[in-house]
PDB file of N, CA and C in Angstrom:
ATOM      1  N   MET A   1       3.654  -3.820   0.800  1.00  0.00           N
ATOM      2  CA  MET A   1       3.719  -3.622   1.600  1.00  0.00           C
ATOM      3  C   MET A   1       4.166  -4.340   2.400  1.00  0.00           C
ATOM      4  N   ALA A   2       5.408  -4.085   2.604  1.00  0.00           N
ATOM      5  CA  ALA A   2       6.336  -5.680   3.346  1.00  0.00           C
ATOM      6  C   ALA A   2       6.049  -4.667   4.697  1.00  0.00           C
ATOM      7  N   LEU A   3       5.540  -5.556   5.744  1.00  0.00           N
ATOM      8  CA  LEU A   3       6.013  -4.677   6.688  1.00  0.00           C
ATOM      9  C   LEU A   3       6.676  -5.610   8.337  1.00  0.00           C
ATOM     10  N   LYS A   4       7.175  -4.850   9.381  1.00  0.00           N
ATOM     11  CA  LYS A   4       7.782  -5.828   9.990  1.00  0.00           C
ATOM     12  C   LYS A   4       6.780  -4.910  11.124  1.00  0.00           C
ATOM     13  N   MET A   5       6.521  -5.365  12.008  1.00  0.00           N
ATOM     14  CA  MET A   5       5.964  -4.759  13.328  1.00  0.00           C
ATOM     15  C   MET A   5       6.435  -5.633  14.641  1.00  0.00           C
ATOM     16  N   SER A   6       7.040  -5.290  15.398  1.00  0.00           N
ATOM     17  CA  SER A   6       7.433  -6.240  15.723  1.00  0.00           C
ATOM     18  C   SER A   6       6.265  -6.610  17.082  1.00  0.00           C
ATOM     19  N   ASN A   7       6.077  -5.575  17.695  1.00  0.00           N
ATOM     20  CA  ASN A   7       4.713  -5.337  18.614  1.00  0.00           C
ATOM     21  C   ASN A   7       3.214  -6.232  18.798  1.00  0.00           C
ATOM     22  N   MET A   8       3.470  -6.283  17.524  1.00  0.00           N
ATOM     23  CA  MET A   8       1.938  -6.766  16.625  1.00  0.00           C
ATOM     24  C   MET A   8       1.785  -8.382  16.097  1.00  0.00           C
ATOM     25  N   SER A   9       0.238  -8.813  16.603  1.00  0.00           N
ATOM     26  CA  SER A   9       0.262  -9.843  15.622  1.00  0.00           C
ATOM     27  C   SER A   9      -0.425  -9.397  14.365  1.00  0.00           C
ATOM     28  N   PRO A  10       0.102 -10.744  13.288  1.00  0.00           N
ATOM     29  CA  PRO A  10      -0.663 -10.090  12.024  1.00  0.00           C
ATOM     30  C   PRO A  10      -2.136  -9.662  11.941  1.00  0.00           C
ATOM     31  N   GLN A  11      -2.804 -10.666  12.962  1.00  0.00           N
ATOM     32  CA  GLN A  11      -4.746  -9.903  12.714  1.00  0.00           C
ATOM     33  C   GLN A  11      -4.298  -7.897  12.855  1.00  0.00           C
ATOM     34  N   GLU A  12      -3.788  -7.444  14.192  1.00  0.00           N
ATOM     35  CA  GLU A  12      -3.775  -6.804  15.095  1.00  0.00           C
ATOM     36  C   GLU A  12      -3.110  -5.748  13.431  1.00  0.00           C
ATOM     37  N   ILE A  13      -1.980  -5.837  12.768  1.00  0.00           N
ATOM     38  CA  ILE A  13      -1.650  -5.597  11.549  1.00  0.00           C
ATOM     39  C   ILE A  13      -2.278  -4.485  10.874  1.00  0.00           C
ATOM     40  N   VAL A  14      -3.142  -5.570   9.940  1.00  0.00           N
ATOM     41  CA  VAL A  14      -4.002  -6.001   9.308  1.00  0.00           C
ATOM     42  C   VAL A  14      -4.774  -4.877   9.646  1.00  0.00           C
ATOM     43  N   PHE A  15      -5.534  -5.465  10.540  1.00  0.00           N
ATOM     44  CA  PHE A  15      -6.465  -4.588  11.277  1.00  0.00           C
ATOM     45  C   PHE A  15      -6.282  -3.173  10.927  1.00  0.00           C
ATOM     46  N   PHE A  16      -5.418  -2.538  11.622  1.00  0.00           N
ATOM     47  CA  PHE A  16      -4.754  -1.328  12.184  1.00  0.00           C
ATOM     48  C   PHE A  16      -4.823   0.076  10.469  1.00  0.00           C
ATOM     49  N   LEU A  17      -3.635  -1.001   9.049  1.00  0.00           N
ATOM     50  CA  LEU A  17      -4.085  -0.619   8.035  1.00  0.00           C
ATOM     51  C   LEU A  17      -5.047  -0.606   8.014  1.00  0.00           C
ATOM     52  N   ARG A  18      -6.194  -1.518   7.895  1.00  0.00           N
ATOM     53  CA  ARG A  18      -8.091  -1.348   7.665  1.00  0.00           C
ATOM     54  C   ARG A  18      -8.254   0.069   7.676  1.00  0.00           C
ATOM     55  N   SER A  19      -8.231   0.154   8.788  1.00  0.00           N
ATOM     56  CA  SER A  19      -8.716   1.282   9.463  1.00  0.00           C
ATOM     57  C   SER A  19      -8.262   2.403   9.429  1.00  0.00           C
ATOM     58  N   GLN A  20      -6.280   2.713   9.064  1.00  0.00           N
ATOM     59  CA  GLN A  20      -6.130   3.943   8.594  1.00  0.00           C
ATOM     60  C   GLN A  20      -6.474   3.739   6.478  1.00  0.00           C
ATOM     61  N   PHE A  21      -7.435   2.821   6.345  1.00  0.00           N
ATOM     62  CA  PHE A  21      -7.151   3.602   4.654  1.00  0.00           C
ATOM     63  C   PHE A  21      -8.384   3.613   4.617  1.00  0.00           C
ATOM     64  N   PRO A  22      -9.516   4.730   5.298  1.00  0.00           N
ATOM     65  CA  PRO A  22     -10.624   5.047   5.060  1.00  0.00           C
ATOM     66  C   PRO A  22     -11.196   5.306   3.690  1.00  0.00           C
ATOM     67  N   PRO A  23     -10.434   6.172   2.675  1.00  0.00           N
ATOM     68  CA  PRO A  23     -10.392   6.399   1.432  1.00  0.00           C
ATOM     69  C   PRO A  23     -11.519   5.089   0.661  1.00  0.00           C
ATOM     70  N   PRO A  24     -12.891   5.702  -0.383  1.00  0.00           N
ATOM     71  CA  PRO A  24     -13.348   4.840  -1.171  1.00  0.00           C
ATOM     72  C   PRO A  24     -12.483   3.993  -1.953  1.00  0.00           C
ATOM     73  N   GLY A  25     -12.393   2.855  -1.864  1.00  0.00           N
ATOM     74  CA  GLY A  25     -12.094   2.229  -3.269  1.00  0.00           C
ATOM     75  C   GLY A  25     -10.413   1.555  -2.255  1.00  0.00           C
ATOM     76  N   THR A  26     -10.286   1.555  -1.566  1.00  0.00           N
ATOM     77  CA  THR A  26      -9.191   0.628  -0.466  1.00  0.00           C
ATOM     78  C   THR A  26      -9.402   0.049   0.114  1.00  0.00           C
ATOM     79  N   GLU A  27      -9.057  -1.688  -0.326  1.00  0.00           N
ATOM     80  CA  GLU A  27      -8.842  -2.927   0.573  1.00  0.00           C
ATOM     81  C   GLU A  27      -7.875  -3.010   0.937  1.00  0.00           C
ATOM     82  N   VAL A  28      -7.539  -3.997   2.497  1.00  0.00           N
ATOM     83  CA  VAL A  28      -6.727  -4.029   2.636  1.00  0.00           C
ATOM     84  C   VAL A  28      -6.507  -6.075   3.051  1.00  0.00           C
ATOM     85  N   TYR A  29      -5.641  -6.094   2.267  1.00  0.00           N
ATOM     86  CA  TYR A  29      -5.897  -8.462   2.304  1.00  0.00           C
ATOM     87  C   TYR A  29      -4.254  -8.283   3.224  1.00  0.00           C
ATOM     88  N   PRO A  30      -4.363  -9.766   4.053  1.00  0.00           N
ATOM     89  CA  PRO A  30      -3.233 -10.389   4.754  1.00  0.00           C
ATOM     90  C   PRO A  30      -2.455 -11.059   3.445  1.00  0.00           C
ATOM     91  N   THR A  31      -1.016 -11.377   3.587  1.00  0.00           N
ATOM     92  CA  THR A  31      -0.322 -12.025   2.439  1.00  0.00           C
ATOM     93  C   THR A  31       1.023 -12.327   3.178  1.00  0.00           C
ATOM     94  N   GLU A  32       1.626 -12.815   2.148  1.00  0.00           N
ATOM     95  CA  GLU A  32       2.827 -13.357   2.731  1.00  0.00           C
ATOM     96  C   GLU A  32       4.022 -12.998   1.300  1.00  0.00           C
ATOM     97  N   ALA A  33       5.287 -13.021   1.631  1.00  0.00           N
ATOM     98  CA  ALA A  33       5.779 -12.866   0.112  1.00  0.00           C
ATOM     99  C   ALA A  33       6.094 -13.623  -0.116  1.00  0.00           C
ATOM    100  N   GLY A  34       5.998 -14.706   0.173  1.00  0.00           N
ATOM    101  CA  GLY A  34       6.035 -15.811  -0.963  1.00  0.00           C
ATOM    102  C   GLY A  34       5.412 -16.176  -2.004  1.00  0.00           C
ATOM    103  N   TRP A  35       4.104 -15.733  -1.439  1.00  0.00           N
ATOM    104  CA  TRP A  35       2.632 -16.459  -2.298  1.00  0.00           C
ATOM    105  C   TRP A  35       3.169 -15.007  -3.269  1.00  0.00           C
ATOM    106  N   TYR A  36       3.426 -14.164  -2.884  1.00  0.00           N
ATOM    107  CA  TYR A  36       3.099 -12.603  -3.980  1.00  0.00           C
ATOM    108  C   TYR A  36       4.197 -13.128  -5.038  1.00  0.00           C
ATOM    109  N   ASN A  37       5.174 -13.360  -4.690  1.00  0.00           N
ATOM    110  CA  ASN A  37       6.639 -13.713  -5.799  1.00  0.00           C
ATOM    111  C   ASN A  37       6.588 -14.564  -6.815  1.00  0.00           C
ATOM    112  N   ASN A  38       5.110 -15.499  -5.811  1.00  0.00           N
ATOM    113  CA  ASN A  38       5.128 -17.269  -7.149  1.00  0.00           C
ATOM    114  C   ASN A  38       3.997 -16.964  -7.440  1.00  0.00           C
ATOM    115  N   PHE A  39       3.145 -15.732  -7.443  1.00  0.00           N
ATOM    116  CA  PHE A  39       1.594 -15.777  -7.443  1.00  0.00           C
ATOM    117  C   PHE A  39       1.458 -15.514  -9.095  1.00  0.00           C
ATOM    118  N   ASP A  40       2.265 -15.516  -9.961  1.00  0.00           N
ATOM    119  CA  ASP A  40       1.791 -14.879 -11.565  1.00  0.00           C
ATOM    120  C   ASP A  40       2.879 -15.641 -12.066  1.00  0.00           C
ATOM    121  N   SER A  41       4.152 -15.993 -11.866  1.00  0.00           N
ATOM    122  CA  SER A  41       5.421 -16.747 -12.396  1.00  0.00           C
ATOM    123  C   SER A  41       6.549 -17.298 -10.894  1.00  0.00           C
ATOM    124  N   ASP A  42       6.819 -17.796 -12.481  1.00  0.00           N
ATOM    125  CA  ASP A  42       8.066 -18.993 -11.577  1.00  0.00           C
ATOM    126  C   ASP A  42       9.561 -17.483 -11.674  1.00  0.00           C
ATOM    127  N   LYS A  43       9.172 -16.675 -12.349  1.00  0.00           N
ATOM    128  CA  LYS A  43      10.010 -15.142 -12.176  1.00  0.00           C
ATOM    129  C   LYS A  43       9.857 -14.176 -11.951  1.00  0.00           C
ATOM    130  N   PRO A  44       9.011 -13.550 -11.029  1.00  0.00           N
ATOM    131  CA  PRO A  44       7.954 -12.661 -10.891  1.00  0.00           C
ATOM    132  C   PRO A  44       9.496 -11.312 -11.471  1.00  0.00           C
ATOM    133  N   ARG A  45       8.734 -10.282 -11.655  1.00  0.00           N
ATOM    134  CA  ARG A  45       9.224  -9.126 -11.835  1.00  0.00           C
ATOM    135  C   ARG A  45       9.953  -8.222 -11.744  1.00  0.00           C
ATOM    136  N   ASN A  46       8.842  -8.461  -9.774  1.00  0.00           N
ATOM    137  CA  ASN A  46       9.541  -6.664  -8.891  1.00  0.00           C
ATOM    138  C   ASN A  46       9.089  -7.630  -7.946  1.00  0.00           C
ATOM    139  N   PRO A  47       9.824  -8.813  -7.891  1.00  0.00           N
ATOM    140  CA  PRO A  47       9.832  -9.798  -6.389  1.00  0.00           C
ATOM    141  C   PRO A  47      10.332  -8.817  -5.048  1.00  0.00           C
ATOM    142  N   ILE A  48       9.663  -9.321  -3.750  1.00  0.00           N
ATOM    143  CA  ILE A  48       9.388  -9.039  -2.586  1.00  0.00           C
ATOM    144  C   ILE A  48      10.497  -9.385  -1.979  1.00  0.00           C
ATOM    145  N   GLN A  49      12.153  -8.997  -1.440  1.00  0.00           N
ATOM    146  CA  GLN A  49      13.483  -9.581  -1.252  1.00  0.00           C
ATOM    147  C   GLN A  49      13.095  -9.687   0.461  1.00  0.00           C
ATOM    148  N   TYR A  50      12.288 -10.357   0.836  1.00  0.00           N
ATOM    149  CA  TYR A  50      12.474 -10.933   1.872  1.00  0.00           C
ATOM    150  C   TYR A  50      12.438 -12.280   2.123  1.00  0.00           C
ATOM    151  N   SER A  51      12.196 -13.154   3.485  1.00  0.00           N
ATOM    152  CA  SER A  51      12.369 -14.188   3.342  1.00  0.00           C
ATOM    153  C   SER A  51      10.177 -14.628   3.037  1.00  0.00           C
ATOM    154  N   ASN A  52       9.772 -15.779   2.564  1.00  0.00           N
ATOM    155  CA  ASN A  52       8.690 -16.771   2.083  1.00  0.00           C
ATOM    156  C   ASN A  52       7.487 -16.197   3.000  1.00  0.00           C
ATOM    157  N   HIS A  53       7.526 -16.204   4.192  1.00  0.00           N
ATOM    158  CA  HIS A  53       6.774 -16.064   5.094  1.00  0.00           C
ATOM    159  C   HIS A  53       6.784 -14.820   5.904  1.00  0.00           C
ATOM    160  N   THR A  54       7.460 -13.799   5.270  1.00  0.00           N
ATOM    161  CA  THR A  54       7.328 -12.644   5.906  1.00  0.00           C
ATOM    162  C   THR A  54       5.051 -11.917   5.463  1.00  0.00           C
ATOM    163  N   LEU A  55       5.549 -10.995   6.714  1.00  0.00           N
ATOM    164  CA  LEU A  55       4.191 -10.654   6.389  1.00  0.00           C
ATOM    165  C   LEU A  55       3.651  -9.522   5.577  1.00  0.00           C
ATOM    166  N   CYS A  56       2.847  -9.417   4.182  1.00  0.00           N
ATOM    167  CA  CYS A  56       3.268  -8.766   3.726  1.00  0.00           C
ATOM    168  C   CYS A  56       1.007  -7.639   3.731  1.00  0.00           C
ATOM    169  N   ALA A  57       0.791  -6.982   3.313  1.00  0.00           N
ATOM    170  CA  ALA A  57      -0.445  -6.684   2.859  1.00  0.00           C
ATOM    171  C   ALA A  57      -0.768  -5.927   1.905  1.00  0.00           C
ATOM    172  N   LEU A  58      -1.866  -6.397   0.825  1.00  0.00           N
ATOM    173  CA  LEU A  58      -2.185  -6.438  -0.208  1.00  0.00           C
ATOM    174  C   LEU A  58      -2.951  -4.925  -0.095  1.00  0.00           C
ATOM    175  N   MET A  59      -2.889  -4.324  -1.197  1.00  0.00           N
ATOM    176  CA  MET A  59      -3.860  -2.850  -1.190  1.00  0.00           C
ATOM    177  C   MET A  59      -4.257  -2.555  -2.499  1.00  0.00           C
ATOM    178  N   LEU A  60      -5.838  -3.098  -2.502  1.00  0.00           N
ATOM    179  CA  LEU A  60      -6.392  -3.299  -4.028  1.00  0.00           C
ATOM    180  C   LEU A  60      -6.628  -1.306  -4.033  1.00  0.00           C
ATOM    181  N   MET A  61      -7.228  -1.148  -5.359  1.00  0.00           N
ATOM    182  CA  MET A  61      -7.558  -0.173  -5.418  1.00  0.00           C
ATOM    183  C   MET A  61      -8.273  -0.905  -6.415  1.00  0.00           C
ATOM    184  N   THR A  62     -10.082  -0.179  -5.969  1.00  0.00           N
ATOM    185  CA  THR A  62     -11.106  -0.885  -6.819  1.00  0.00           C
ATOM    186  C   THR A  62     -11.569   0.662  -7.637  1.00  0.00           C
ATOM    187  N   PRO A  63     -12.703   0.408  -8.816  1.00  0.00           N
ATOM    188  CA  PRO A  63     -12.814   1.587  -9.301  1.00  0.00           C
ATOM    189  C   PRO A  63     -13.618   2.986  -8.785  1.00  0.00           C
ATOM    190  N   SER A  64     -13.572   2.432  -7.615  1.00  0.00           N
ATOM    191  CA  SER A  64     -14.375   3.978  -6.496  1.00  0.00           C
ATOM    192  C   SER A  64     -13.292   4.548  -5.960  1.00  0.00           C
ATOM    193  N   PHE A  65     -12.348   3.977  -6.528  1.00  0.00           N
ATOM    194  CA  PHE A  65     -10.909   4.922  -5.474  1.00  0.00           C
ATOM    195  C   PHE A  65     -10.552   5.714  -6.876  1.00  0.00           C
ATOM    196  N   PHE A  66     -10.736   5.716  -7.857  1.00  0.00           N
ATOM    197  CA  PHE A  66     -10.548   6.397  -9.491  1.00  0.00           C
ATOM    198  C   PHE A  66     -11.230   7.218  -9.391  1.00  0.00           C
ATOM    199  N   ASN A  67     -13.041   7.695  -8.915  1.00  0.00           N
ATOM    200  CA  ASN A  67     -14.128   7.963  -9.401  1.00  0.00           C
ATOM    201  C   ASN A  67     -13.610   9.214  -7.795  1.00  0.00           C
ATOM    202  N   SER A  68     -13.698   9.054  -6.969  1.00  0.00           N
ATOM    203  CA  SER A  68     -13.007   9.814  -5.751  1.00  0.00           C
ATOM    204  C   SER A  68     -12.048  10.117  -4.893  1.00  0.00           C
ATOM    205  N   THR A  69     -10.966   9.189  -4.795  1.00  0.00           N
ATOM    206  CA  THR A  69     -10.284   9.491  -3.833  1.00  0.00           C
ATOM    207  C   THR A  69      -8.726   9.704  -4.529  1.00  0.00           C
ATOM    208  N   PHE A  70      -8.571   9.619  -5.825  1.00  0.00           N
ATOM    209  CA  PHE A  70      -7.567   9.699  -7.256  1.00  0.00           C
ATOM    210  C   PHE A  70      -7.410  11.021  -8.040  1.00  0.00           C
ATOM    211  N   ILE A  71      -8.936  11.451  -7.715  1.00  0.00           N
ATOM    212  CA  ILE A  71      -9.494  12.099  -8.487  1.00  0.00           C
ATOM    213  C   ILE A  71      -9.105  13.884  -7.403  1.00  0.00           C
ATOM    214  N   ALA A  72      -9.887  13.098  -6.460  1.00  0.00           N
ATOM    215  CA  ALA A  72      -9.803  14.172  -5.461  1.00  0.00           C
ATOM    216  C   ALA A  72      -8.098  14.867  -5.046  1.00  0.00           C
ATOM    217  N   TYR A  73      -7.271  13.684  -4.609  1.00  0.00           N
ATOM    218  CA  TYR A  73      -5.849  13.490  -4.903  1.00  0.00           C
ATOM    219  C   TYR A  73      -5.340  14.708  -5.530  1.00  0.00           C
ATOM    220  N   LEU A  74      -6.249  14.736  -7.249  1.00  0.00           N
ATOM    221  CA  LEU A  74      -4.713  15.030  -8.296  1.00  0.00           C
ATOM    222  C   LEU A  74      -5.838  16.777  -7.964  1.00  0.00           C
ATOM    223  N   ARG A  75      -6.832  16.754  -8.178  1.00  0.00           N
ATOM    224  CA  ARG A  75      -7.153  18.684  -7.481  1.00  0.00           C
ATOM    225  C   ARG A  75      -6.190  18.783  -6.416  1.00  0.00           C
ATOM    226  N   GLU A  76      -5.795  18.048  -5.497  1.00  0.00           N
ATOM    227  CA  GLU A  76      -4.644  19.272  -4.143  1.00  0.00           C
ATOM    228  C   GLU A  76      -3.339  19.170  -4.586  1.00  0.00           C
ATOM    229  N   TYR A  77      -3.040  17.712  -5.510  1.00  0.00           N
ATOM    230  CA  TYR A  77      -1.236  18.249  -6.174  1.00  0.00           C
ATOM    231  C   TYR A  77      -2.177  19.095  -6.723  1.00  0.00           C
ATOM    232  N   PHE A  78      -2.668  19.500  -8.018  1.00  0.00           N
ATOM    233  CA  PHE A  78      -2.215  20.377  -9.118  1.00  0.00           C
ATOM    234  C   PHE A  78      -2.594  22.017  -8.428  1.00  0.00           C
ATOM    235  N   LYS A  79      -2.658  21.991  -7.183  1.00  0.00           N
ATOM    236  CA  LYS A  79      -3.102  23.206  -5.973  1.00  0.00           C
ATOM    237  C   LYS A  79      -1.407  24.043  -5.906  1.00  0.00           C
ATOM    238  N   SER A  80      -1.274  23.056  -6.154  1.00  0.00           N
ATOM    239  CA  SER A  80       1.282  22.861  -5.667  1.00  0.00           C
ATOM    240  C   SER A  80       2.233  23.019  -7.182  1.00  0.00           C
ATOM    241  N   HIS A  81       1.632  22.320  -7.831  1.00  0.00           N
ATOM    242  CA  HIS A  81       2.225  21.623  -8.712  1.00  0.00           C
ATOM    243  C   HIS A  81       1.573  22.191 -10.551  1.00  0.00           C
ATOM    244  N   GLN A  82       2.175  22.389 -11.234  1.00  0.00           N
ATOM    245  CA  GLN A  82       1.899  22.975 -12.874  1.00  0.00           C
ATOM    246  C   GLN A  82       2.320  21.796 -13.705  1.00  0.00           C
ATOM    247  N   THR A  83       2.547  20.990 -13.072  1.00  0.00           N
ATOM    248  CA  THR A  83       2.844  19.891 -14.675  1.00  0.00           C
ATOM    249  C   THR A  83       2.337  17.913 -13.652  1.00  0.00           C
ATOM    250  N   PHE A  84       1.488  17.184 -14.786  1.00  0.00           N
ATOM    251  CA  PHE A  84       1.196  16.373 -14.530  1.00  0.00           C
ATOM    252  C   PHE A  84       2.848  15.410 -13.851  1.00  0.00           C
ATOM    253  N   PRO A  85       2.525  14.802 -12.549  1.00  0.00           N
ATOM    254  CA  PRO A  85       2.952  13.452 -11.880  1.00  0.00           C
ATOM    255  C   PRO A  85       3.052  12.818 -12.522  1.00  0.00           C
ATOM    256  N   GLU A  86       4.614  12.332 -13.044  1.00  0.00           N
ATOM    257  CA  GLU A  86       4.981  11.439 -13.099  1.00  0.00           C
ATOM    258  C   GLU A  86       4.042   8.992 -13.470  1.00  0.00           C
ATOM    259  N   ASN A  87       4.071   9.539 -12.151  1.00  0.00           N
ATOM    260  CA  ASN A  87       3.164   8.070 -11.996  1.00  0.00           C
ATOM    261  C   ASN A  87       1.994   8.496 -10.970  1.00  0.00           C
ATOM    262  N   PRO A  88       1.116   9.102 -10.505  1.00  0.00           N
ATOM    263  CA  PRO A  88      -0.077   9.661 -10.753  1.00  0.00           C
ATOM    264  C   PRO A  88      -0.423   8.910  -9.456  1.00  0.00           C
ATOM    265  N   VAL A  89      -1.065   7.397 -10.291  1.00  0.00           N
ATOM    266  CA  VAL A  89      -1.441   6.410  -9.417  1.00  0.00           C
ATOM    267  C   VAL A  89      -0.207   6.052  -7.737  1.00  0.00           C
ATOM    268  N   GLU A  90       0.474   5.671  -8.507  1.00  0.00           N
ATOM    269  CA  GLU A  90       1.801   5.537  -7.087  1.00  0.00           C
ATOM    270  C   GLU A  90       1.934   6.902  -6.369  1.00  0.00           C
ATOM    271  N   ASN A  91       1.844   7.647  -7.351  1.00  0.00           N
ATOM    272  CA  ASN A  91       2.434   8.833  -6.153  1.00  0.00           C
ATOM    273  C   ASN A  91       0.511   9.290  -5.262  1.00  0.00           C
ATOM    274  N   CYS A  92      -0.264   8.891  -5.530  1.00  0.00           N
ATOM    275  CA  CYS A  92      -1.278   8.777  -5.161  1.00  0.00           C
ATOM    276  C   CYS A  92      -1.463   7.951  -4.021  1.00  0.00           C
ATOM    277  N   ALA A  93      -0.979   6.609  -4.197  1.00  0.00           N
ATOM    278  CA  ALA A  93      -1.386   5.032  -3.521  1.00  0.00           C
ATOM    279  C   ALA A  93      -0.308   5.743  -2.060  1.00  0.00           C
ATOM    280  N   ASP A  94       1.146   6.360  -2.297  1.00  0.00           N
ATOM    281  CA  ASP A  94       1.837   6.630  -1.380  1.00  0.00           C
ATOM    282  C   ASP A  94       2.101   7.156  -0.425  1.00  0.00           C
ATOM    283  N   HIS A  95       0.886   8.388  -1.089  1.00  0.00           N
ATOM    284  CA  HIS A  95       1.139   9.499  -0.185  1.00  0.00           C
ATOM    285  C   HIS A  95      -0.109   8.941   1.312  1.00  0.00           C
ATOM    286  N   PHE A  96      -1.228   8.125   0.371  1.00  0.00           N
ATOM    287  CA  PHE A  96      -1.742   7.474   1.188  1.00  0.00           C
ATOM    288  C   PHE A  96      -1.444   6.427   2.935  1.00  0.00           C
ATOM    289  N   ILE A  97      -1.022   5.650   2.120  1.00  0.00           N
ATOM    290  CA  ILE A  97       0.208   4.647   2.805  1.00  0.00           C
ATOM    291  C   ILE A  97       0.734   5.374   3.639  1.00  0.00           C
ATOM    292  N   THR A  98       1.536   6.733   3.158  1.00  0.00           N
ATOM    293  CA  THR A  98       2.636   7.543   4.131  1.00  0.00           C
ATOM    294  C   THR A  98       1.977   7.731   4.913  1.00  0.00           C
ATOM    295  N   GLN A  99       1.075   8.734   5.176  1.00  0.00           N
ATOM    296  CA  GLN A  99      -0.197   9.353   6.095  1.00  0.00           C
ATOM    297  C   GLN A  99      -0.315   8.355   7.459  1.00  0.00           C
ATOM    298  N   ALA A 100      -0.995   7.006   6.843  1.00  0.00           N
ATOM    299  CA  ALA A 100      -1.478   5.875   6.910  1.00  0.00           C
ATOM    300  C   ALA A 100       0.091   5.211   8.097  1.00  0.00           C
ATOM    301  N   LEU A 101       0.825   5.058   8.040  1.00  0.00           N
ATOM    302  CA  LEU A 101       2.091   4.577   9.050  1.00  0.00           C
ATOM    303  C   LEU A 101       2.724   5.684   9.269  1.00  0.00           C
ATOM    304  N   ASP A 102       2.739   6.318   8.916  1.00  0.00           N
ATOM    305  CA  ASP A 102       3.069   8.163   9.673  1.00  0.00           C
ATOM    306  C   ASP A 102       2.323   8.390  11.803  1.00  0.00           C
ATOM    307  N   ALA A 103       0.708   8.066  10.791  1.00  0.00           N
ATOM    308  CA  ALA A 103       0.326   7.612  11.830  1.00  0.00           C
ATOM    309  C   ALA A 103       0.008   6.598  12.930  1.00  0.00           C
ATOM    310  N   SER A 104       0.884   5.501  12.920  1.00  0.00           N
ATOM    311  CA  SER A 104       1.655   4.224  13.808  1.00  0.00           C
ATOM    312  C   SER A 104       2.279   5.062  14.352  1.00  0.00           C
ATOM    313  N   PRO A 105       1.782   4.307  15.609  1.00  0.00           N
ATOM    314  CA  PRO A 105       2.796   4.871  16.868  1.00  0.00           C
ATOM    315  C   PRO A 105       3.308   3.578  16.627  1.00  0.00           C
ATOM    316  N   PHE A 106       3.360   2.585  16.519  1.00  0.00           N
ATOM    317  CA  PHE A 106       4.520   1.229  15.969  1.00  0.00           C
ATOM    318  C   PHE A 106       5.972   1.339  15.429  1.00  0.00           C
ATOM    319  N   LYS A 107       6.486   1.034  15.925  1.00  0.00           N
ATOM    320  CA  LYS A 107       7.820   0.932  14.855  1.00  0.00           C
ATOM    321  C   LYS A 107       7.535   0.122  13.221  1.00  0.00           C
ATOM    322  N   TYR A 108       7.490   0.196  12.394  1.00  0.00           N
ATOM    323  CA  TYR A 108       7.988  -0.277  10.920  1.00  0.00           C
ATOM    324  C   TYR A 108       8.829  -0.374  10.240  1.00  0.00           C
ATOM    325  N   LYS A 109       8.947  -1.504   9.620  1.00  0.00           N
ATOM    326  CA  LYS A 109       9.458  -1.250   8.312  1.00  0.00           C
ATOM    327  C   LYS A 109       8.536  -1.677   7.171  1.00  0.00           C
ATOM    328  N   MET A 110       8.840  -0.758   6.170  1.00  0.00           N
ATOM    329  CA  MET A 110       7.996  -0.762   5.360  1.00  0.00           C
ATOM    330  C   MET A 110       8.700  -0.984   3.323  1.00  0.00           C
ATOM    331  N   LEU A 111       8.345  -1.262   2.848  1.00  0.00           N
ATOM    332  CA  LEU A 111       8.514  -1.840   1.713  1.00  0.00           C
ATOM    333  C   LEU A 111       7.194  -1.155   1.002  1.00  0.00           C
ATOM    334  N   ILE A 112       7.248  -0.446  -0.311  1.00  0.00           N
ATOM    335  CA  ILE A 112       5.755  -0.713  -1.098  1.00  0.00           C
ATOM    336  C   ILE A 112       6.729  -1.037  -2.260  1.00  0.00           C
ATOM    337  N   LYS A 113       5.480  -1.888  -2.662  1.00  0.00           N
ATOM    338  CA  LYS A 113       6.215  -2.174  -4.451  1.00  0.00           C
ATOM    339  C   LYS A 113       4.716  -1.793  -5.151  1.00  0.00           C
ATOM    340  N   THR A 114       4.511  -1.388  -6.537  1.00  0.00           N
ATOM    341  CA  THR A 114       3.406  -1.385  -7.167  1.00  0.00           C
ATOM    342  C   THR A 114       3.429  -1.888  -8.312  1.00  0.00           C
ATOM    343  N   ASP A 115       2.652  -2.465  -8.907  1.00  0.00           N
ATOM    344  CA  ASP A 115       1.980  -3.866 -10.292  1.00  0.00           C
ATOM    345  C   ASP A 115       1.261  -3.194 -10.714  1.00  0.00           C
TER     346      ASP A 115
END
């Protein structure tokens, strides 16, 4: 996710995001758009269209995410839906990211990329 929060330092942004992702199995790390775009190859398949020095937050999901958070999300999802979601992991991540950023008192610009 790429974020622009004019009132916060990069350290404050990462601290805020880490505090908003309490579900087991989520880890947040700071990076830059340029690093993300150049990490895998010379032609990334899903590049971030911001300057190379735009602060990004890399959110990783560990195995404990799937054993607890994701299963709980699906249980809640099926209370109001009859069909399986098209992109369940992406939907789950989007749900938690949106909740976290909606709780923020700061202005932000968010772009969610899943790989």
